[in-house]
């Protein structure tokens, strides 16, 4: 299963940005799609996750500012980021977990997209 992210870039503090991630390949089911991020010198952290039943969860630092959503038909997940802060600067990674058509489980990651919040 392959994941391709897009939408990263440079944005001023207080601005907004929307990331997209499309999953493709031998996908029988997707149990969850998520966004993680890793800032220089820090560990990768969960930003937001959306489960197949529609339930959501967010990292404490982004609650109330970021919104995760998913279009099931297109195997696409979005991350709408509002009120961005310099500390949101990081490489953002898309993640998907599920089952392939040969019944093998997968846990796939995208290559990441850089988000820089700076004036």
Protein backbone atom coordinates (compact mmCIF):
# COMPACT_ATOMS: atom_id res chain seq x y z
CA UNK A 1 0.00 0.00 0.00
CA UNK A 2 1.42 3.36 -1.02
CA UNK A 3 0.66 6.73 0.49
CA UNK A 4 1.30 10.07 -1.20
CA UNK A 5 1.04 13.31 0.76
CA UNK A 6 0.64 16.80 -0.64
CA UNK A 7 -0.14 20.30 0.53
CA UNK A 8 2.84 21.20 2.68
CA UNK A 9 4.62 24.51 2.45
CA UNK A 10 5.47 27.78 4.15
CA UNK A 11 2.75 29.65 6.02
CA UNK A 12 2.72 32.61 8.39
CA UNK A 13 1.76 32.21 12.04
CA UNK A 14 -2.01 32.27 12.40
CA UNK A 15 -2.49 30.99 8.89
CA UNK A 16 -4.07 27.81 7.58
CA UNK A 17 -2.94 24.89 5.46
CA UNK A 18 -4.59 21.67 4.34
CA UNK A 19 -2.67 18.45 3.80
CA UNK A 20 -3.91 15.58 1.64
CA UNK A 21 -2.93 11.93 1.54
CA UNK A 22 -4.07 9.36 -1.00
CA UNK A 23 -3.70 5.62 -0.38
CA UNK A 24 -3.38 3.21 -3.29
CA UNK A 25 -2.51 -0.40 -3.93
CA UNK A 26 -3.97 -3.73 -2.90
CA UNK A 27 -6.36 -2.30 -0.33
CA UNK A 28 -9.15 -4.52 0.95
CA UNK A 29 -9.87 -2.38 3.96
CA UNK A 30 -8.53 0.63 5.84
CA UNK A 31 -8.97 0.42 9.60
CA UNK A 32 -7.52 3.83 10.36
CA UNK A 33 -5.72 6.73 8.74
CA UNK A 34 -3.62 9.17 10.67
CA UNK A 35 -1.24 12.08 10.53
CA UNK A 36 1.95 12.16 12.53
CA UNK A 37 4.68 14.78 12.60
CA UNK A 38 8.33 14.99 13.50
CA UNK A 39 10.14 18.21 14.28
CA UNK A 40 13.95 18.45 14.20
CA UNK A 41 15.44 16.83 17.28
CA UNK A 42 12.10 15.51 18.49
CA UNK A 43 10.31 12.18 18.37
CA UNK A 44 7.54 11.52 15.90
CA UNK A 45 4.17 12.28 17.47
CA UNK A 46 0.55 11.56 16.64
CA UNK A 47 -1.30 14.61 15.32
CA UNK A 48 -4.69 13.12 14.48
CA UNK A 49 -6.29 9.79 13.67
CA UNK A 50 -9.60 8.77 12.13
CA UNK A 51 -10.88 5.24 12.53
CA UNK A 52 -13.08 3.30 10.14
CA UNK A 53 -16.07 3.84 12.43
CA UNK A 54 -15.57 7.58 12.13
CA UNK A 55 -14.17 8.12 15.60
CA UNK A 56 -11.46 10.76 15.89
CA UNK A 57 -8.58 11.53 18.20
CA UNK A 58 -6.13 14.43 18.30
CA UNK A 59 -2.84 15.21 19.93
CA UNK A 60 -3.23 17.64 22.82
CA UNK A 61 -1.19 20.34 21.11
CA UNK A 62 -3.51 20.53 18.09
CA UNK A 63 -6.96 20.03 19.64
CA UNK A 64 -9.33 22.77 18.58
CA UNK A 65 -7.06 23.89 15.73
CA UNK A 66 -6.68 20.89 13.41
CA UNK A 67 -9.40 18.82 11.77
CA UNK A 68 -8.92 15.38 10.24
CA UNK A 69 -11.38 14.05 7.69
CA UNK A 70 -11.57 11.19 5.24
CA UNK A 71 -13.20 10.43 1.92
CA UNK A 72 -13.63 6.67 1.99
CA UNK A 73 -14.42 6.25 -1.68
CA UNK A 74 -11.12 7.77 -2.68
CA UNK A 75 -9.04 6.40 0.19
CA UNK A 76 -8.08 9.97 0.94
CA UNK A 77 -7.45 11.65 4.28
CA UNK A 78 -7.13 15.38 4.89
CA UNK A 79 -5.68 17.44 7.68
CA UNK A 80 -7.00 20.97 7.90
CA UNK A 81 -4.62 23.01 10.02
CA UNK A 82 -5.80 26.35 11.40
CA UNK A 83 -4.23 28.96 13.68
CA UNK A 84 -0.81 27.59 12.89
CA UNK A 85 2.05 28.27 15.27
CA UNK A 86 5.82 28.15 14.73
CA UNK A 87 5.89 25.04 16.93
CA UNK A 88 3.76 23.25 14.34
CA UNK A 89 6.77 23.29 12.03
CA UNK A 90 7.62 19.69 11.21
CA UNK A 91 7.58 17.01 8.58
CA UNK A 92 4.06 15.60 8.48
CA UNK A 93 3.60 11.92 7.69
CA UNK A 94 0.48 10.09 6.59
CA UNK A 95 -0.17 6.61 8.00
CA UNK A 96 -2.71 3.94 7.07
CA UNK A 97 -3.44 0.57 8.66
CA UNK A 98 -5.64 -2.18 7.33
CA UNK A 99 -5.81 -5.40 5.34
CA UNK A 100 -4.74 -6.14 1.79
CA UNK A 101 -6.63 -8.37 -0.65
CA UNK A 102 -4.32 -11.28 0.21
CA UNK A 103 -5.41 -10.86 3.83
CA UNK A 104 -2.05 -9.50 4.94
CA UNK A 105 -2.15 -6.61 7.35
CA UNK A 106 -0.35 -3.44 6.38
CA UNK A 107 0.91 -0.42 8.28
CA UNK A 108 2.10 2.02 5.64
CA UNK A 109 3.70 5.43 5.77
CA UNK A 110 4.09 8.22 3.29
CA UNK A 111 7.37 9.99 2.60
CA UNK A 112 6.33 13.10 4.46
CA UNK A 113 5.61 16.69 3.57
CA UNK A 114 7.32 19.69 5.15
CA UNK A 115 5.22 22.30 6.94
CA UNK A 116 7.01 25.46 8.01
CA UNK A 117 5.29 28.14 10.06
CA UNK A 118 7.31 31.33 10.04
CA UNK A 119 6.97 35.04 9.44
